């Protein structure tokens, strides 16, 4: 299980990453560096019960799954993108 201090801040060091499954973890927010994962297509955040906010996401992201993230506030960017 990942907490806030368990998520790497330098996700851009994974430039070829296409699928990221962070489901069932206890972090409050994703690192801003997620926006620089230009090849990321699928992001899974289901059952991240402590997740409160999501930073800007990569433009090429096609699928995001968020179920059971009860503390997540409305994200305008998500509404506009999906």
PDB file of N, CA and C in Angstrom:
ATOM      1  N   UNK A   1       0.846  -1.161   0.000  1.00  0.00           N
ATOM      2  CA  UNK A   1       0.000   0.000   0.000  1.00  0.00           C
ATOM      3  C   UNK A   1       0.900   1.234   0.000  1.00  0.00           C
ATOM      4  N   UNK A   2       0.594   2.177  -0.883  1.00  0.00           N
ATOM      5  CA  UNK A   2       1.364   3.417  -0.981  1.00  0.00           C
ATOM      6  C   UNK A   2       0.684   4.545  -0.221  1.00  0.00           C
ATOM      7  N   UNK A   3       1.467   5.261   0.548  1.00  0.00           N
ATOM      8  CA  UNK A   3       1.007   6.476   1.202  1.00  0.00           C
ATOM      9  C   UNK A   3       1.606   7.648   0.439  1.00  0.00           C
ATOM     10  N   UNK A   4       1.340   8.873   0.861  1.00  0.00           N
ATOM     11  CA  UNK A   4       1.843  10.044   0.147  1.00  0.00           C
ATOM     12  C   UNK A   4       3.348  10.008  -0.058  1.00  0.00           C
ATOM     13  N   UNK A   5       4.089   9.612   0.963  1.00  0.00           N
ATOM     14  CA  UNK A   5       5.543   9.606   0.836  1.00  0.00           C
ATOM     15  C   UNK A   5       6.062   8.398   0.061  1.00  0.00           C
ATOM     16  N   UNK A   6       5.188   7.488  -0.326  1.00  0.00           N
ATOM     17  CA  UNK A   6       5.591   6.317  -1.082  1.00  0.00           C
ATOM     18  C   UNK A   6       5.536   6.489  -2.589  1.00  0.00           C
ATOM     19  N   UNK A   7       4.866   7.534  -3.045  1.00  0.00           N
ATOM     20  CA  UNK A   7       4.783   7.799  -4.481  1.00  0.00           C
ATOM     21  C   UNK A   7       6.016   8.567  -4.937  1.00  0.00           C
ATOM     22  N   UNK A   8       6.682   8.125  -5.991  1.00  0.00           N
ATOM     23  CA  UNK A   8       7.841   8.885  -6.476  1.00  0.00           C
ATOM     24  C   UNK A   8       7.399  10.217  -7.072  1.00  0.00           C
ATOM     25  N   UNK A   9       8.177  11.255  -6.817  1.00  0.00           N
ATOM     26  CA  UNK A   9       7.867  12.578  -7.368  1.00  0.00           C
ATOM     27  C   UNK A   9       8.357  12.742  -8.792  1.00  0.00           C
ATOM     28  N   UNK A  10       9.223  11.855  -9.234  1.00  0.00           N
ATOM     29  CA  UNK A  10       9.838  11.989 -10.554  1.00  0.00           C
ATOM     30  C   UNK A  10       9.289  10.962 -11.545  1.00  0.00           C
ATOM     31  N   UNK A  11       7.984  10.940 -11.696  1.00  0.00           N
ATOM     32  CA  UNK A  11       7.368   9.984 -12.620  1.00  0.00           C
ATOM     33  C   UNK A  11       7.827  10.185 -14.059  1.00  0.00           C
ATOM     34  N   UNK A  12       8.308  11.383 -14.387  1.00  0.00           N
ATOM     35  CA  UNK A  12       8.766  11.623 -15.756  1.00  0.00           C
ATOM     36  C   UNK A  12       9.984  10.767 -16.104  1.00  0.00           C
ATOM     37  N   UNK A  13      10.577  10.114 -15.110  1.00  0.00           N
ATOM     38  CA  UNK A  13      11.690   9.203 -15.385  1.00  0.00           C
ATOM     39  C   UNK A  13      11.194   7.889 -16.004  1.00  0.00           C
ATOM     40  N   UNK A  14       9.878   7.787 -16.202  1.00  0.00           N
ATOM     41  CA  UNK A  14       9.259   6.614 -16.832  1.00  0.00           C
ATOM     42  C   UNK A  14       8.549   7.046 -18.119  1.00  0.00           C
ATOM     43  N   UNK A  15       9.270   7.577 -19.095  1.00  0.00           N
ATOM     44  CA  UNK A  15       8.631   8.188 -20.264  1.00  0.00           C
ATOM     45  C   UNK A  15       7.845   7.230 -21.152  1.00  0.00           C
ATOM     46  N   UNK A  16       8.109   5.943 -21.069  1.00  0.00           N
ATOM     47  CA  UNK A  16       7.410   4.974 -21.924  1.00  0.00           C
ATOM     48  C   UNK A  16       6.198   4.344 -21.250  1.00  0.00           C
ATOM     49  N   UNK A  17       5.914   4.745 -20.027  1.00  0.00           N
ATOM     50  CA  UNK A  17       4.806   4.160 -19.271  1.00  0.00           C
ATOM     51  C   UNK A  17       3.472   4.426 -19.965  1.00  0.00           C
ATOM     52  N   UNK A  18       2.706   3.374 -20.224  1.00  0.00           N
ATOM     53  CA  UNK A  18       1.417   3.494 -20.901  1.00  0.00           C
ATOM     54  C   UNK A  18       0.234   3.193 -19.984  1.00  0.00           C
ATOM     55  N   UNK A  19       0.430   2.332 -18.991  1.00  0.00           N
ATOM     56  CA  UNK A  19      -0.637   1.951 -18.070  1.00  0.00           C
ATOM     57  C   UNK A  19      -0.104   2.110 -16.646  1.00  0.00           C
ATOM     58  N   UNK A  20      -0.875   2.801 -15.812  1.00  0.00           N
ATOM     59  CA  UNK A  20      -0.481   2.996 -14.417  1.00  0.00           C
ATOM     60  C   UNK A  20      -1.668   2.642 -13.531  1.00  0.00           C
ATOM     61  N   UNK A  21      -1.507   1.590 -12.744  1.00  0.00           N
ATOM     62  CA  UNK A  21      -2.561   1.151 -11.834  1.00  0.00           C
ATOM     63  C   UNK A  21      -2.117   1.450 -10.403  1.00  0.00           C
ATOM     64  N   UNK A  22      -2.741   2.445  -9.804  1.00  0.00           N
ATOM     65  CA  UNK A  22      -2.452   2.835  -8.426  1.00  0.00           C
ATOM     66  C   UNK A  22      -3.636   2.533  -7.512  1.00  0.00           C
ATOM     67  N   UNK A  23      -4.510   1.655  -7.943  1.00  0.00           N
ATOM     68  CA  UNK A  23      -5.712   1.318  -7.181  1.00  0.00           C
ATOM     69  C   UNK A  23      -5.367   0.774  -5.800  1.00  0.00           C
ATOM     70  N   UNK A  24      -6.297   1.012  -4.864  1.00  0.00           N
ATOM     71  CA  UNK A  24      -6.232   0.479  -3.501  1.00  0.00           C
ATOM     72  C   UNK A  24      -5.034   0.992  -2.707  1.00  0.00           C
ATOM     73  N   UNK A  25      -4.721   2.273  -2.865  1.00  0.00           N
ATOM     74  CA  UNK A  25      -3.653   2.895  -2.099  1.00  0.00           C
ATOM     75  C   UNK A  25      -4.214   4.026  -1.251  1.00  0.00           C
ATOM     76  N   UNK A  26      -3.401   4.577  -0.368  1.00  0.00           N
ATOM     77  CA  UNK A  26      -3.862   5.546   0.632  1.00  0.00           C
ATOM     78  C   UNK A  26      -3.210   6.921   0.486  1.00  0.00           C
ATOM     79  N   UNK A  27      -2.817   7.320  -0.695  1.00  0.00           N
ATOM     80  CA  UNK A  27      -2.229   8.649  -0.881  1.00  0.00           C
ATOM     81  C   UNK A  27      -3.329   9.683  -1.067  1.00  0.00           C
ATOM     82  N   UNK A  28      -3.000  10.949  -0.789  1.00  0.00           N
ATOM     83  CA  UNK A  28      -3.971  12.044  -0.888  1.00  0.00           C
ATOM     84  C   UNK A  28      -3.972  12.712  -2.257  1.00  0.00           C
ATOM     85  N   UNK A  29      -2.825  12.713  -2.923  1.00  0.00           N
ATOM     86  CA  UNK A  29      -2.749  13.348  -4.243  1.00  0.00           C
ATOM     87  C   UNK A  29      -1.661  12.679  -5.073  1.00  0.00           C
ATOM     88  N   UNK A  30      -1.783  12.840  -6.366  1.00  0.00           N
ATOM     89  CA  UNK A  30      -0.786  12.320  -7.292  1.00  0.00           C
ATOM     90  C   UNK A  30       0.301  13.366  -7.479  1.00  0.00           C
ATOM     91  N   UNK A  31       1.534  12.947  -7.755  1.00  0.00           N
ATOM     92  CA  UNK A  31       2.577  13.933  -8.018  1.00  0.00           C
ATOM     93  C   UNK A  31       2.290  14.692  -9.314  1.00  0.00           C
ATOM     94  N   UNK A  32       2.637  15.965  -9.340  1.00  0.00           N
ATOM     95  CA  UNK A  32       2.411  16.795 -10.529  1.00  0.00           C
ATOM     96  C   UNK A  32       3.155  16.254 -11.743  1.00  0.00           C
ATOM     97  N   UNK A  33       4.219  15.506 -11.513  1.00  0.00           N
ATOM     98  CA  UNK A  33       5.011  14.973 -12.628  1.00  0.00           C
ATOM     99  C   UNK A  33       4.225  13.991 -13.485  1.00  0.00           C
ATOM    100  N   UNK A  34       3.064  13.542 -13.020  1.00  0.00           N
ATOM    101  CA  UNK A  34       2.249  12.630 -13.834  1.00  0.00           C
ATOM    102  C   UNK A  34       1.853  13.288 -15.153  1.00  0.00           C
ATOM    103  N   UNK A  35       1.760  14.594 -15.161  1.00  0.00           N
ATOM    104  CA  UNK A  35       1.368  15.312 -16.382  1.00  0.00           C
ATOM    105  C   UNK A  35       2.410  15.182 -17.488  1.00  0.00           C
ATOM    106  N   UNK A  36       3.628  14.789 -17.137  1.00  0.00           N
ATOM    107  CA  UNK A  36       4.696  14.666 -18.130  1.00  0.00           C
ATOM    108  C   UNK A  36       4.858  13.245 -18.670  1.00  0.00           C
ATOM    109  N   UNK A  37       3.937  12.372 -18.323  1.00  0.00           N
ATOM    110  CA  UNK A  37       3.963  11.005 -18.864  1.00  0.00           C
ATOM    111  C   UNK A  37       3.216  11.008 -20.196  1.00  0.00           C
ATOM    112  N   UNK A  38       3.889  11.416 -21.227  1.00  0.00           N
ATOM    113  CA  UNK A  38       3.239  11.670 -22.519  1.00  0.00           C
ATOM    114  C   UNK A  38       2.663  10.425 -23.186  1.00  0.00           C
ATOM    115  N   UNK A  39       3.120   9.243 -22.807  1.00  0.00           N
ATOM    116  CA  UNK A  39       2.596   8.014 -23.421  1.00  0.00           C
ATOM    117  C   UNK A  39       1.540   7.326 -22.566  1.00  0.00           C
ATOM    118  N   UNK A  40       1.244   7.896 -21.403  1.00  0.00           N
ATOM    119  CA  UNK A  40       0.258   7.284 -20.512  1.00  0.00           C
ATOM    120  C   UNK A  40      -1.118   7.289 -21.172  1.00  0.00           C
ATOM    121  N   UNK A  41      -1.729   6.116 -21.267  1.00  0.00           N
ATOM    122  CA  UNK A  41      -3.038   5.967 -21.901  1.00  0.00           C
ATOM    123  C   UNK A  41      -4.124   5.569 -20.898  1.00  0.00           C
ATOM    124  N   UNK A  42      -3.736   4.803 -19.871  1.00  0.00           N
ATOM    125  CA  UNK A  42      -4.701   4.279 -18.901  1.00  0.00           C
ATOM    126  C   UNK A  42      -4.196   4.580 -17.492  1.00  0.00           C
ATOM    127  N   UNK A  43      -5.071   5.163 -16.675  1.00  0.00           N
ATOM    128  CA  UNK A  43      -4.761   5.453 -15.279  1.00  0.00           C
ATOM    129  C   UNK A  43      -5.876   4.873 -14.421  1.00  0.00           C
ATOM    130  N   UNK A  44      -5.516   3.997 -13.497  1.00  0.00           N
ATOM    131  CA  UNK A  44      -6.495   3.349 -12.628  1.00  0.00           C
ATOM    132  C   UNK A  44      -6.274   3.809 -11.187  1.00  0.00           C
ATOM    133  N   UNK A  45      -7.321   4.388 -10.609  1.00  0.00           N
ATOM    134  CA  UNK A  45      -7.262   4.942  -9.252  1.00  0.00           C
ATOM    135  C   UNK A  45      -8.410   4.439  -8.379  1.00  0.00           C
ATOM    136  N   UNK A  46      -8.972   3.314  -8.705  1.00  0.00           N
ATOM    137  CA  UNK A  46     -10.116   2.794  -7.950  1.00  0.00           C
ATOM    138  C   UNK A  46      -9.731   2.442  -6.520  1.00  0.00           C
ATOM    139  N   UNK A  47     -10.673   2.705  -5.616  1.00  0.00           N
ATOM    140  CA  UNK A  47     -10.520   2.414  -4.190  1.00  0.00           C
ATOM    141  C   UNK A  47      -9.338   3.146  -3.555  1.00  0.00           C
ATOM    142  N   UNK A  48      -8.985   4.293  -4.094  1.00  0.00           N
ATOM    143  CA  UNK A  48      -8.005   5.181  -3.446  1.00  0.00           C
ATOM    144  C   UNK A  48      -8.808   6.078  -2.518  1.00  0.00           C
ATOM    145  N   UNK A  49      -9.143   5.546  -1.367  1.00  0.00           N
ATOM    146  CA  UNK A  49     -10.122   6.174  -0.486  1.00  0.00           C
ATOM    147  C   UNK A  49      -9.659   7.480   0.138  1.00  0.00           C
ATOM    148  N   UNK A  50      -8.372   7.773   0.105  1.00  0.00           N
ATOM    149  CA  UNK A  50      -7.851   9.021   0.677  1.00  0.00           C
ATOM    150  C   UNK A  50      -7.579  10.077  -0.396  1.00  0.00           C
ATOM    151  N   UNK A  51      -7.735   9.731  -1.659  1.00  0.00           N
ATOM    152  CA  UNK A  51      -7.430  10.644  -2.763  1.00  0.00           C
ATOM    153  C   UNK A  51      -8.347  11.863  -2.721  1.00  0.00           C
ATOM    154  N   UNK A  52      -7.738  13.057  -2.681  1.00  0.00           N
ATOM    155  CA  UNK A  52      -8.511  14.290  -2.587  1.00  0.00           C
ATOM    156  C   UNK A  52      -8.422  15.149  -3.840  1.00  0.00           C
ATOM    157  N   UNK A  53      -7.337  15.025  -4.585  1.00  0.00           N
ATOM    158  CA  UNK A  53      -7.202  15.857  -5.785  1.00  0.00           C
ATOM    159  C   UNK A  53      -6.325  15.161  -6.817  1.00  0.00           C
ATOM    160  N   UNK A  54      -6.512  15.585  -8.053  1.00  0.00           N
ATOM    161  CA  UNK A  54      -5.760  15.046  -9.180  1.00  0.00           C
ATOM    162  C   UNK A  54      -5.150  16.229  -9.921  1.00  0.00           C
ATOM    163  N   UNK A  55      -3.844  16.201 -10.164  1.00  0.00           N
ATOM    164  CA  UNK A  55      -3.217  17.304 -10.894  1.00  0.00           C
ATOM    165  C   UNK A  55      -3.553  17.226 -12.380  1.00  0.00           C
ATOM    166  N   UNK A  56      -3.002  18.132 -13.153  1.00  0.00           N
ATOM    167  CA  UNK A  56      -3.170  18.058 -14.604  1.00  0.00           C
ATOM    168  C   UNK A  56      -2.711  16.690 -15.082  1.00  0.00           C
ATOM    169  N   UNK A  57      -3.428  16.166 -16.045  1.00  0.00           N
ATOM    170  CA  UNK A  57      -3.121  14.839 -16.574  1.00  0.00           C
ATOM    171  C   UNK A  57      -2.575  14.951 -17.987  1.00  0.00           C
ATOM    172  N   UNK A  58      -1.861  13.929 -18.451  1.00  0.00           N
ATOM    173  CA  UNK A  58      -1.318  13.965 -19.805  1.00  0.00           C
ATOM    174  C   UNK A  58      -2.423  14.084 -20.852  1.00  0.00           C
ATOM    175  N   UNK A  59      -2.149  14.807 -21.903  1.00  0.00           N
ATOM    176  CA  UNK A  59      -3.142  15.042 -22.956  1.00  0.00           C
ATOM    177  C   UNK A  59      -3.554  13.757 -23.661  1.00  0.00           C
ATOM    178  N   UNK A  60      -2.677  12.778 -23.727  1.00  0.00           N
ATOM    179  CA  UNK A  60      -2.974  11.538 -24.450  1.00  0.00           C
ATOM    180  C   UNK A  60      -3.693  10.490 -23.609  1.00  0.00           C
ATOM    181  N   UNK A  61      -3.989  10.797 -22.355  1.00  0.00           N
ATOM    182  CA  UNK A  61      -4.697   9.851 -21.498  1.00  0.00           C
ATOM    183  C   UNK A  61      -6.077   9.560 -22.089  1.00  0.00           C
ATOM    184  N   UNK A  62      -6.406   8.291 -22.244  1.00  0.00           N
ATOM    185  CA  UNK A  62      -7.675   7.899 -22.859  1.00  0.00           C
ATOM    186  C   UNK A  62      -8.667   7.313 -21.864  1.00  0.00           C
ATOM    187  N   UNK A  63      -8.163   6.664 -20.822  1.00  0.00           N
ATOM    188  CA  UNK A  63      -9.039   6.010 -19.860  1.00  0.00           C
ATOM    189  C   UNK A  63      -8.562   6.313 -18.452  1.00  0.00           C
ATOM    190  N   UNK A  64      -9.487   6.741 -17.623  1.00  0.00           N
ATOM    191  CA  UNK A  64      -9.195   6.897 -16.201  1.00  0.00           C
ATOM    192  C   UNK A  64     -10.325   6.224 -15.434  1.00  0.00           C
ATOM    193  N   UNK A  65      -9.950   5.361 -14.504  1.00  0.00           N
ATOM    194  CA  UNK A  65     -10.943   4.646 -13.703  1.00  0.00           C
ATOM    195  C   UNK A  65     -10.810   5.110 -12.259  1.00  0.00           C
ATOM    196  N   UNK A  66     -11.885   5.718 -11.769  1.00  0.00           N
ATOM    197  CA  UNK A  66     -11.917   6.207 -10.392  1.00  0.00           C
ATOM    198  C   UNK A  66     -13.238   5.755  -9.773  1.00  0.00           C
ATOM    199  N   UNK A  67     -13.177   4.732  -8.954  1.00  0.00           N
ATOM    200  CA  UNK A  67     -14.356   4.221  -8.259  1.00  0.00           C
ATOM    201  C   UNK A  67     -13.988   4.113  -6.787  1.00  0.00           C
ATOM    202  N   UNK A  68     -14.843   4.601  -5.921  1.00  0.00           N
ATOM    203  CA  UNK A  68     -14.593   4.471  -4.497  1.00  0.00           C
ATOM    204  C   UNK A  68     -13.614   5.479  -3.931  1.00  0.00           C
ATOM    205  N   UNK A  69     -13.362   6.553  -4.653  1.00  0.00           N
ATOM    206  CA  UNK A  69     -12.507   7.639  -4.147  1.00  0.00           C
ATOM    207  C   UNK A  69     -13.431   8.698  -3.558  1.00  0.00           C
ATOM    208  N   UNK A  70     -13.994   8.383  -2.418  1.00  0.00           N
ATOM    209  CA  UNK A  70     -15.061   9.193  -1.826  1.00  0.00           C
ATOM    210  C   UNK A  70     -14.643  10.597  -1.414  1.00  0.00           C
ATOM    211  N   UNK A  71     -13.363  10.821  -1.165  1.00  0.00           N
ATOM    212  CA  UNK A  71     -12.904  12.144  -0.743  1.00  0.00           C
ATOM    213  C   UNK A  71     -12.492  13.032  -1.912  1.00  0.00           C
ATOM    214  N   UNK A  72     -12.515  12.492  -3.108  1.00  0.00           N
ATOM    215  CA  UNK A  72     -12.106  13.261  -4.281  1.00  0.00           C
ATOM    216  C   UNK A  72     -13.108  14.366  -4.556  1.00  0.00           C
ATOM    217  N   UNK A  73     -12.593  15.576  -4.624  1.00  0.00           N
ATOM    218  CA  UNK A  73     -13.440  16.716  -4.958  1.00  0.00           C
ATOM    219  C   UNK A  73     -13.631  16.758  -6.466  1.00  0.00           C
ATOM    220  N   UNK A  74     -14.646  17.465  -6.913  1.00  0.00           N
ATOM    221  CA  UNK A  74     -14.908  17.590  -8.345  1.00  0.00           C
ATOM    222  C   UNK A  74     -13.682  18.155  -9.049  1.00  0.00           C
ATOM    223  N   UNK A  75     -13.334  17.555 -10.162  1.00  0.00           N
ATOM    224  CA  UNK A  75     -12.176  17.984 -10.936  1.00  0.00           C
ATOM    225  C   UNK A  75     -12.653  18.517 -12.280  1.00  0.00           C
ATOM    226  N   UNK A  76     -12.577  19.823 -12.474  1.00  0.00           N
ATOM    227  CA  UNK A  76     -13.062  20.435 -13.711  1.00  0.00           C
ATOM    228  C   UNK A  76     -12.353  19.880 -14.929  1.00  0.00           C
ATOM    229  N   UNK A  77     -11.051  19.636 -14.800  1.00  0.00           N
ATOM    230  CA  UNK A  77     -10.299  19.125 -15.933  1.00  0.00           C
ATOM    231  C   UNK A  77     -10.828  17.764 -16.369  1.00  0.00           C
ATOM    232  N   UNK A  78     -11.176  16.921 -15.428  1.00  0.00           N
ATOM    233  CA  UNK A  78     -11.693  15.600 -15.772  1.00  0.00           C
ATOM    234  C   UNK A  78     -13.003  15.713 -16.524  1.00  0.00           C
ATOM    235  N   UNK A  79     -13.871  16.607 -16.096  1.00  0.00           N
ATOM    236  CA  UNK A  79     -15.142  16.785 -16.791  1.00  0.00           C
ATOM    237  C   UNK A  79     -14.922  17.247 -18.224  1.00  0.00           C
ATOM    238  N   UNK A  80     -13.970  18.130 -18.423  1.00  0.00           N
ATOM    239  CA  UNK A  80     -13.712  18.675 -19.751  1.00  0.00           C
ATOM    240  C   UNK A  80     -13.045  17.655 -20.665  1.00  0.00           C
ATOM    241  N   UNK A  81     -12.210  16.794 -20.084  1.00  0.00           N
ATOM    242  CA  UNK A  81     -11.429  15.869 -20.892  1.00  0.00           C
ATOM    243  C   UNK A  81     -12.155  14.576 -21.207  1.00  0.00           C
ATOM    244  N   UNK A  82     -13.057  14.146 -20.318  1.00  0.00           N
ATOM    245  CA  UNK A  82     -13.675  12.838 -20.500  1.00  0.00           C
ATOM    246  C   UNK A  82     -15.136  13.019 -20.647  1.00  0.00           C
TER     247      UNK A  82
END
